[in-house]
Amino acid sequence: MKKIGFRVDGNAKIGMGHVMRTLALAGAFPADLELIFIVKEEAAVLKKLKEFRRELSIISLPADCSTGEELSQMGSIIRKEGIEVLVTDSYSFDQNYLQELKKMVGKLVSIHDFAPFPFPSDMVINGNIYARELEYKSLDTRARFLLGTEYILLREEFTGIGKRRLDKKVKRILVTVGGGDPLNLTPRILQALSNLSNLADNPFISRDELKLHVIIGPAFKNLEEIITVAKDLQMTTAFHFNIRRISDLMVIADLAISAGGSTLYELAACGTPAIAILQAENQVQGAEALAEKGTVVNLGWGDKLTREDITASIIELSYNYELRKRMSKTGQDLVDGKGTLRCVEEILGL
């Protein structure tokens, strides 16, 4: 095996989660393998790929090409580049599309959060907590399914994080909603934090000592509004752009407010108690399952929440130190950060 291809997309509407987890997988392959990313034209995606710590070959497809046109181009790319294993990660790839790809390449690996149809792929990866409850099927009964949090695709930085010792007092809060902010959640979260004005009777959080760390993703379209809201915050606020190691912020945060998706598993690996606010349908099942396990507090859909709802949840969780301790331990017990290495080993075994 010399060349591995990745067919994945991201943008402001669907976010950057598919891109980030395929990059996590790509980064764990041996250095002598050539990695080729095939993506639809999108500035934020191309920028992220070019900034990756490892050299990648990047091939862009027209953003508006039809499925038929794309398959024709994929066939040409696979033959020309000599791709032997192709990894796909997108909800837009249906069974027929994957069947056509399977005819073009030696081995096909599909990352998918659900089981919408029998898969023609040689391997299917779903590292979500609920994955084993889904009725996955193979189209020809030969597919290997890697399911559950032992196969969650996290970057190398989450491997080997030590056991967390949680502080009693909440002094650092992390705000992260992913690569994009389609529901405009970040300004609302900051407004909710500005409501933390009457905290004299709360021994576990101090406005005077509080520091906010706010992550700005590459596909954000609301930066001006975020900055405007932040100017009215009477607390220290740090903004982080093009962040290289988000784990460094997670391990120092006493509490996180996060969108759903893979970020919740990253926070679990770091032992960081989290409040989850959902902004996409594919985040619902994972957040509900993680809340049931006890690693997050799930507030549900962000567009249905008031800032008072968010403020109340922050205050309630900050008061309950024993709950935060349990959330921290449960998260690290559930996610050991080695899922990517396990998936690489299985793919190389193909």
Protein backbone atom coordinates (compact mmCIF):
# COMPACT_ATOMS: atom_id res chain seq x y z
CA MET A 1 0.00 0.00 0.00
CA LYS A 2 1.61 3.27 -1.16
CA LYS A 3 -1.19 5.77 -1.73
CA ILE A 4 -4.31 6.47 0.28
CA GLY A 5 -7.02 8.82 -1.00
CA PHE A 6 -9.59 10.74 1.00
CA ARG A 7 -12.85 12.03 -0.52
CA VAL A 8 -14.35 14.51 1.93
CA ASP A 9 -16.07 17.92 1.98
CA GLY A 10 -16.71 20.78 4.38
CA ASN A 11 -18.20 24.28 4.28
CA ALA A 12 -20.01 26.84 6.42
CA LYS A 13 -23.31 24.95 6.14
CA ILE A 14 -22.17 21.41 7.05
CA GLY A 15 -19.19 22.50 9.14
CA MET A 16 -15.64 21.14 9.15
CA GLY A 17 -16.15 17.97 11.20
CA HIS A 18 -15.76 15.55 8.28
CA VAL A 19 -12.53 17.27 7.21
CA MET A 20 -11.09 17.36 10.72
CA ARG A 21 -11.64 13.68 11.49
CA THR A 22 -10.23 12.52 8.15
CA LEU A 23 -7.19 14.69 8.83
CA ALA A 24 -6.90 13.00 12.23
CA LEU A 25 -6.93 9.63 10.48
CA ALA A 26 -4.50 10.77 7.78
CA GLY A 27 -1.99 12.04 10.31
CA ALA A 28 -1.73 8.64 11.98
CA PHE A 29 -0.64 6.72 8.87
CA PRO A 30 3.05 5.78 8.43
CA ALA A 31 5.20 8.54 6.92
CA ASP A 32 6.06 6.52 3.81
CA LEU A 33 2.46 6.53 2.58
CA GLU A 34 1.35 9.28 0.20
CA LEU A 35 -1.91 10.95 1.20
CA ILE A 36 -4.20 12.47 -1.42
CA PHE A 37 -7.21 14.60 -0.46
CA ILE A 38 -9.97 15.07 -3.04
CA VAL A 39 -12.38 17.86 -2.07
CA LYS A 40 -14.90 20.20 -3.64
CA GLU A 41 -13.64 23.75 -4.08
CA GLU A 42 -14.08 25.55 -0.75
CA ALA A 43 -11.64 28.16 0.57
CA ALA A 44 -11.83 27.17 4.26
CA VAL A 45 -11.24 23.48 3.46
CA LEU A 46 -8.31 24.14 1.13
CA LYS A 47 -6.74 26.44 3.73
CA LYS A 48 -7.07 23.80 6.44
CA LEU A 49 -5.52 21.11 4.25
CA LYS A 50 -2.59 23.34 3.26
CA GLU A 51 -1.89 24.11 6.91
CA PHE A 52 -1.81 20.44 7.92
CA ARG A 53 1.38 19.37 9.68
CA ARG A 54 2.04 16.64 7.12
CA GLU A 55 2.47 17.06 3.38
CA LEU A 56 -0.69 16.26 1.44
CA SER A 57 -1.54 16.15 -2.25
CA ILE A 58 -4.74 18.17 -2.75
CA ILE A 59 -7.07 17.79 -5.73
CA SER A 60 -10.12 20.06 -5.93
CA LEU A 61 -13.34 19.33 -7.79
CA PRO A 62 -15.73 22.04 -9.06
CA ALA A 63 -18.17 23.01 -6.30
CA ASP A 64 -21.16 22.59 -8.62
CA CYS A 65 -20.28 19.39 -10.45
CA SER A 66 -23.01 16.74 -10.71
CA THR A 67 -22.70 13.24 -9.26
CA GLY A 68 -22.10 11.78 -12.72
CA GLU A 69 -19.41 14.34 -13.50
CA GLU A 70 -17.79 13.74 -10.14
CA LEU A 71 -17.67 9.96 -10.56
CA SER A 72 -16.06 10.39 -13.96
CA GLN A 73 -13.41 12.67 -12.46
CA MET A 74 -12.91 10.33 -9.50
CA GLY A 75 -12.22 7.42 -11.85
CA SER A 76 -9.60 9.44 -13.69
CA ILE A 77 -7.98 10.63 -10.44
CA ILE A 78 -7.84 7.15 -8.90
CA ARG A 79 -6.24 5.68 -12.03
CA LYS A 80 -3.80 8.53 -12.60
CA GLU A 81 -2.68 8.77 -8.95
CA GLY A 82 -2.61 5.03 -8.36
CA ILE A 83 -4.81 5.24 -5.26
CA GLU A 84 -5.11 1.81 -3.66
CA VAL A 85 -7.32 2.65 -0.66
CA LEU A 86 -9.99 5.36 -0.71
CA VAL A 87 -11.55 6.76 2.46
CA THR A 88 -14.89 8.59 2.15
CA ASP A 89 -16.59 10.82 4.70
CA SER A 90 -19.79 12.60 3.68
CA TYR A 91 -23.52 12.16 4.18
CA SER A 92 -24.05 13.07 0.52
CA PHE A 93 -22.45 9.81 -0.69
CA ASP A 94 -25.30 7.33 -1.17
CA GLN A 95 -25.13 3.59 -1.78
CA ASN A 96 -24.99 3.93 -5.57
CA TYR A 97 -22.14 6.45 -5.38
CA LEU A 98 -20.14 4.16 -3.09
CA GLN A 99 -20.84 1.15 -5.33
CA GLU A 100 -19.39 3.02 -8.30
CA LEU A 101 -16.33 4.04 -6.28
CA LYS A 102 -15.83 0.42 -5.16
CA LYS A 103 -15.45 -0.58 -8.83
CA MET A 104 -12.63 1.95 -9.22
CA VAL A 105 -10.41 1.23 -6.22
CA GLY A 106 -8.87 -1.78 -4.49
CA LYS A 107 -10.26 -1.06 -1.02
CA LEU A 108 -13.00 1.35 0.02
CA VAL A 109 -13.32 2.63 3.61
CA SER A 110 -16.37 4.70 4.60
CA ILE A 111 -16.69 6.88 7.69
CA HIS A 112 -20.36 7.37 8.48
CA ASP A 113 -22.32 8.33 11.60
CA PHE A 114 -25.44 6.38 10.66
CA ALA A 115 -26.58 3.22 8.83
CA PRO A 116 -28.82 4.52 6.02
CA PHE A 117 -28.25 1.56 3.66
CA PRO A 118 -26.23 -1.66 3.27
CA PHE A 119 -22.64 -0.59 2.59
CA PRO A 120 -20.65 -1.79 -0.44
CA SER A 121 -17.47 -0.65 1.33
CA ASP A 122 -14.76 -2.99 2.62
CA MET A 123 -14.77 -1.21 5.98
CA VAL A 124 -17.12 1.18 7.78
CA ILE A 125 -16.02 3.32 10.73
CA ASN A 126 -18.38 4.90 13.26
CA GLY A 127 -16.74 5.90 16.53
CA ASN A 128 -19.87 7.37 18.07
CA ILE A 129 -21.10 6.12 21.42
CA TYR A 130 -24.37 4.90 19.87
CA ALA A 131 -22.80 3.11 16.87
CA ARG A 132 -23.32 -0.45 18.08
CA GLU A 133 -27.05 0.18 18.44
CA LEU A 134 -27.41 0.86 14.71
CA GLU A 135 -28.33 -1.91 12.28
CA TYR A 136 -25.32 -1.80 9.99
CA LYS A 137 -25.39 -4.17 7.02
CA SER A 138 -22.92 -5.11 4.32
CA LEU A 139 -24.12 -5.22 0.72
CA ASP A 140 -22.05 -8.33 0.02
CA THR A 141 -21.58 -9.50 3.67
CA ARG A 142 -17.83 -8.78 3.55
CA ALA A 143 -17.62 -5.36 5.18
CA ARG A 144 -15.75 -4.96 8.46
CA PHE A 145 -17.48 -2.59 10.90
CA LEU A 146 -15.46 -0.62 13.47
CA LEU A 147 -18.08 0.69 15.88
CA GLY A 148 -18.06 2.51 19.23
CA THR A 149 -15.84 4.97 21.09
CA GLU A 150 -12.80 2.68 20.92
CA TYR A 151 -12.71 3.71 17.24
CA ILE A 152 -13.47 7.42 17.60
CA LEU A 153 -11.24 9.42 15.23
CA LEU A 154 -9.36 11.97 17.32
CA ARG A 155 -6.08 13.71 16.54
CA GLU A 156 -2.76 12.57 17.99
CA GLU A 157 -2.86 15.32 20.61
CA PHE A 158 -5.61 13.42 22.46
CA THR A 159 -3.51 10.27 22.84
CA GLY A 160 -1.93 9.86 26.25
CA ILE A 161 -3.68 12.69 28.10
CA GLY A 162 -3.27 12.02 31.80
CA LYS A 163 -6.06 11.59 34.32
CA ARG A 164 -7.71 14.90 35.07
CA ARG A 165 -7.74 16.56 38.48
CA LEU A 166 -10.62 18.99 38.37
CA ASP A 167 -10.45 22.27 40.29
CA LYS A 168 -13.31 23.09 42.62
CA LYS A 169 -13.64 26.63 41.35
CA VAL A 170 -14.59 27.49 37.76
CA LYS A 171 -12.03 30.03 36.55
CA ARG A 172 -11.63 29.16 32.87
CA ILE A 173 -14.51 28.54 30.46
CA LEU A 174 -13.97 27.33 26.90
CA VAL A 175 -16.43 28.25 24.13
CA THR A 176 -16.23 26.24 20.91
CA VAL A 177 -18.91 25.53 18.31
CA GLY A 178 -16.77 23.93 15.59
CA GLY A 179 -15.32 25.05 12.28
CA GLY A 180 -18.43 27.07 11.40
CA ASP A 181 -21.20 28.76 13.36
CA PRO A 182 -24.33 28.24 11.21
CA LEU A 183 -26.80 29.02 14.02
CA ASN A 184 -24.86 32.07 15.24
CA LEU A 185 -24.36 30.42 18.63
CA THR A 186 -21.13 32.08 19.73
CA PRO A 187 -22.63 35.59 20.22
CA ARG A 188 -25.55 34.09 22.15
CA ILE A 189 -23.21 32.11 24.41
CA LEU A 190 -21.15 35.24 25.10
CA GLN A 191 -24.32 37.16 25.93
CA ALA A 192 -25.27 34.35 28.32
CA LEU A 193 -21.88 34.64 30.00
CA SER A 194 -22.39 38.40 30.36
CA ASN A 195 -25.39 37.53 32.53
CA LEU A 196 -23.03 36.17 35.20
CA SER A 197 -23.27 39.41 37.11
CA ASN A 198 -24.88 38.42 40.40
CA LEU A 199 -22.48 35.76 41.61
CA ALA A 200 -21.69 36.92 45.11
CA ASP A 201 -23.39 33.85 46.60
CA ASN A 202 -21.63 31.34 44.33
CA PRO A 203 -18.45 30.01 45.94
CA PHE A 204 -17.49 28.02 42.85
CA ILE A 205 -17.27 30.77 40.24
CA SER A 206 -15.84 34.27 40.45
CA ARG A 207 -16.47 36.87 37.80
CA ASP A 208 -13.32 38.74 38.83
CA GLU A 209 -11.16 35.67 38.21
CA LEU A 210 -13.07 34.28 35.23
CA LYS A 211 -11.31 33.99 31.87
CA LEU A 212 -13.05 33.01 28.65
CA HIS A 213 -11.31 31.19 25.81
CA VAL A 214 -13.30 31.52 22.57
CA ILE A 215 -12.37 29.51 19.49
CA ILE A 216 -13.09 31.06 16.09
CA GLY A 217 -13.38 28.45 13.32
CA PRO A 218 -12.18 28.89 9.73
CA ALA A 219 -15.74 28.96 8.32
CA PHE A 220 -17.17 31.58 10.72
CA LYS A 221 -19.23 34.29 9.02
CA ASN A 222 -20.14 36.24 12.18
CA LEU A 223 -16.83 37.51 13.51
CA GLU A 224 -17.88 41.17 13.60
CA GLU A 225 -20.92 40.38 15.74
CA ILE A 226 -18.83 38.22 18.08
CA ILE A 227 -16.33 41.03 18.60
CA THR A 228 -19.14 43.56 19.19
CA VAL A 229 -20.70 41.35 21.89
CA ALA A 230 -17.32 40.63 23.46
CA LYS A 231 -16.61 44.34 23.92
CA ASP A 232 -19.44 44.50 26.44
CA LEU A 233 -18.12 41.57 28.49
CA GLN A 234 -16.62 42.70 31.75
CA MET A 235 -14.27 39.72 31.97
CA THR A 236 -11.02 38.66 30.39
CA THR A 237 -11.65 37.11 26.96
CA ALA A 238 -9.12 35.46 24.68
CA PHE A 239 -9.94 34.65 21.04
CA HIS A 240 -8.15 31.79 19.31
CA PHE A 241 -7.82 31.61 15.51
CA ASN A 242 -6.29 28.77 13.47
CA ILE A 243 -5.65 26.86 16.65
CA ARG A 244 -3.10 24.07 16.37
CA ARG A 245 -3.73 22.15 19.60
CA ILE A 246 -7.20 22.61 20.98
CA SER A 247 -6.41 20.02 23.67
CA ASP A 248 -4.15 22.58 25.39
CA LEU A 249 -7.23 24.74 26.00
CA MET A 250 -9.47 21.82 26.90
CA VAL A 251 -7.19 20.48 29.64
CA ILE A 252 -7.00 23.86 31.40
CA ALA A 253 -10.73 24.63 31.07
CA ASP A 254 -12.83 23.99 34.15
CA LEU A 255 -15.96 23.98 32.02
CA ALA A 256 -16.72 24.01 28.29
CA ILE A 257 -19.70 25.17 26.25
CA SER A 258 -19.62 23.31 22.98
CA ALA A 259 -21.62 22.37 19.94
CA GLY A 260 -22.26 18.66 19.41
CA GLY A 261 -20.19 16.38 17.23
CA SER A 262 -16.64 15.12 17.67
CA THR A 263 -15.69 18.02 19.96
CA LEU A 264 -17.71 16.40 22.75
CA TYR A 265 -15.52 13.29 22.49
CA GLU A 266 -12.39 15.45 22.55
CA LEU A 267 -13.62 17.12 25.73
CA ALA A 268 -14.39 13.70 27.21
CA ALA A 269 -10.84 12.54 26.48
CA CYS A 270 -9.55 15.64 28.28
CA GLY A 271 -11.87 15.13 31.25
CA THR A 272 -13.53 18.52 30.71
CA PRO A 273 -17.18 18.82 31.86
CA ALA A 274 -19.23 20.21 28.99
CA ILE A 275 -22.53 21.87 28.21
CA ALA A 276 -23.67 20.78 24.75
CA ILE A 277 -25.69 23.03 22.45
CA LEU A 278 -26.80 21.43 19.19
CA GLN A 279 -26.71 23.01 15.76
CA ALA A 280 -27.12 20.08 13.34
CA GLU A 281 -29.29 16.98 13.11
CA ASN A 282 -26.30 14.64 13.07
CA GLN A 283 -25.29 15.92 16.54
CA VAL A 284 -28.51 14.91 18.29
CA GLN A 285 -28.01 11.18 18.82
CA GLY A 286 -24.43 11.48 20.06
CA ALA A 287 -25.19 14.30 22.49
CA GLU A 288 -28.19 12.45 23.90
CA ALA A 289 -26.16 9.27 24.40
CA LEU A 290 -23.25 11.15 26.02
CA ALA A 291 -25.69 12.96 28.32
CA GLU A 292 -27.19 9.61 29.32
CA LYS A 293 -23.70 8.32 30.13
CA GLY A 294 -23.07 11.46 32.16
CA THR A 295 -20.22 13.22 30.32
CA VAL A 296 -22.20 16.27 29.14
CA VAL A 297 -25.26 18.36 29.96
CA ASN A 298 -27.31 18.49 26.77
CA LEU A 299 -29.32 21.70 26.34
CA GLY A 300 -30.69 20.69 22.95
CA TRP A 301 -31.09 22.86 19.87
CA GLY A 302 -29.27 26.18 20.00
CA ASP A 303 -31.87 28.08 18.01
CA LYS A 304 -34.50 27.23 20.65
CA LEU A 305 -32.45 28.40 23.64
CA THR A 306 -32.50 31.79 25.28
CA ARG A 307 -29.32 33.19 26.73
CA GLU A 308 -30.98 32.89 30.16
CA ASP A 309 -31.24 29.11 29.59
CA ILE A 310 -27.52 28.94 28.94
CA THR A 311 -26.67 31.15 31.93
CA ALA A 312 -28.76 29.00 34.27
CA SER A 313 -27.02 25.83 33.10
CA ILE A 314 -23.56 27.36 33.64
CA ILE A 315 -24.45 28.47 37.16
CA GLU A 316 -26.05 25.14 38.06
CA LEU A 317 -23.09 23.11 36.84
CA SER A 318 -20.54 25.39 38.50
CA TYR A 319 -22.28 24.86 41.83
CA ASN A 320 -22.20 21.08 41.54
CA TYR A 321 -18.54 20.15 41.95
CA GLU A 322 -19.28 16.47 42.59
CA LEU A 323 -21.23 16.25 39.33
CA ARG A 324 -18.38 17.91 37.42
CA LYS A 325 -15.94 15.41 38.93
CA ARG A 326 -18.12 12.48 37.81
CA MET A 327 -18.49 13.95 34.33
CA SER A 328 -14.72 14.30 34.07
CA LYS A 329 -13.97 10.72 35.15
CA THR A 330 -16.73 9.20 33.04
CA GLY A 331 -15.50 11.02 29.94
CA GLN A 332 -11.94 9.80 30.28
CA ASP A 333 -13.10 6.26 31.02
CA LEU A 334 -15.19 6.33 27.85
CA VAL A 335 -12.67 7.91 25.44
CA ASP A 336 -9.00 6.91 25.74
CA GLY A 337 -7.87 8.84 22.64
CA LYS A 338 -6.43 5.78 20.86
CA GLY A 339 -9.30 5.17 18.42
CA THR A 340 -7.45 6.63 15.43
CA LEU A 341 -4.48 4.32 15.95
CA ARG A 342 -6.81 1.31 16.08
CA CYS A 343 -8.48 2.36 12.82
CA VAL A 344 -5.13 2.85 11.06
CA GLU A 345 -4.05 -0.64 12.14
CA GLU A 346 -7.28 -2.12 10.76
CA ILE A 347 -7.00 -0.24 7.44
CA LEU A 348 -3.39 -1.30 6.97
CA GLY A 349 -4.60 -4.86 7.62
CA LEU A 350 -6.79 -4.67 4.51
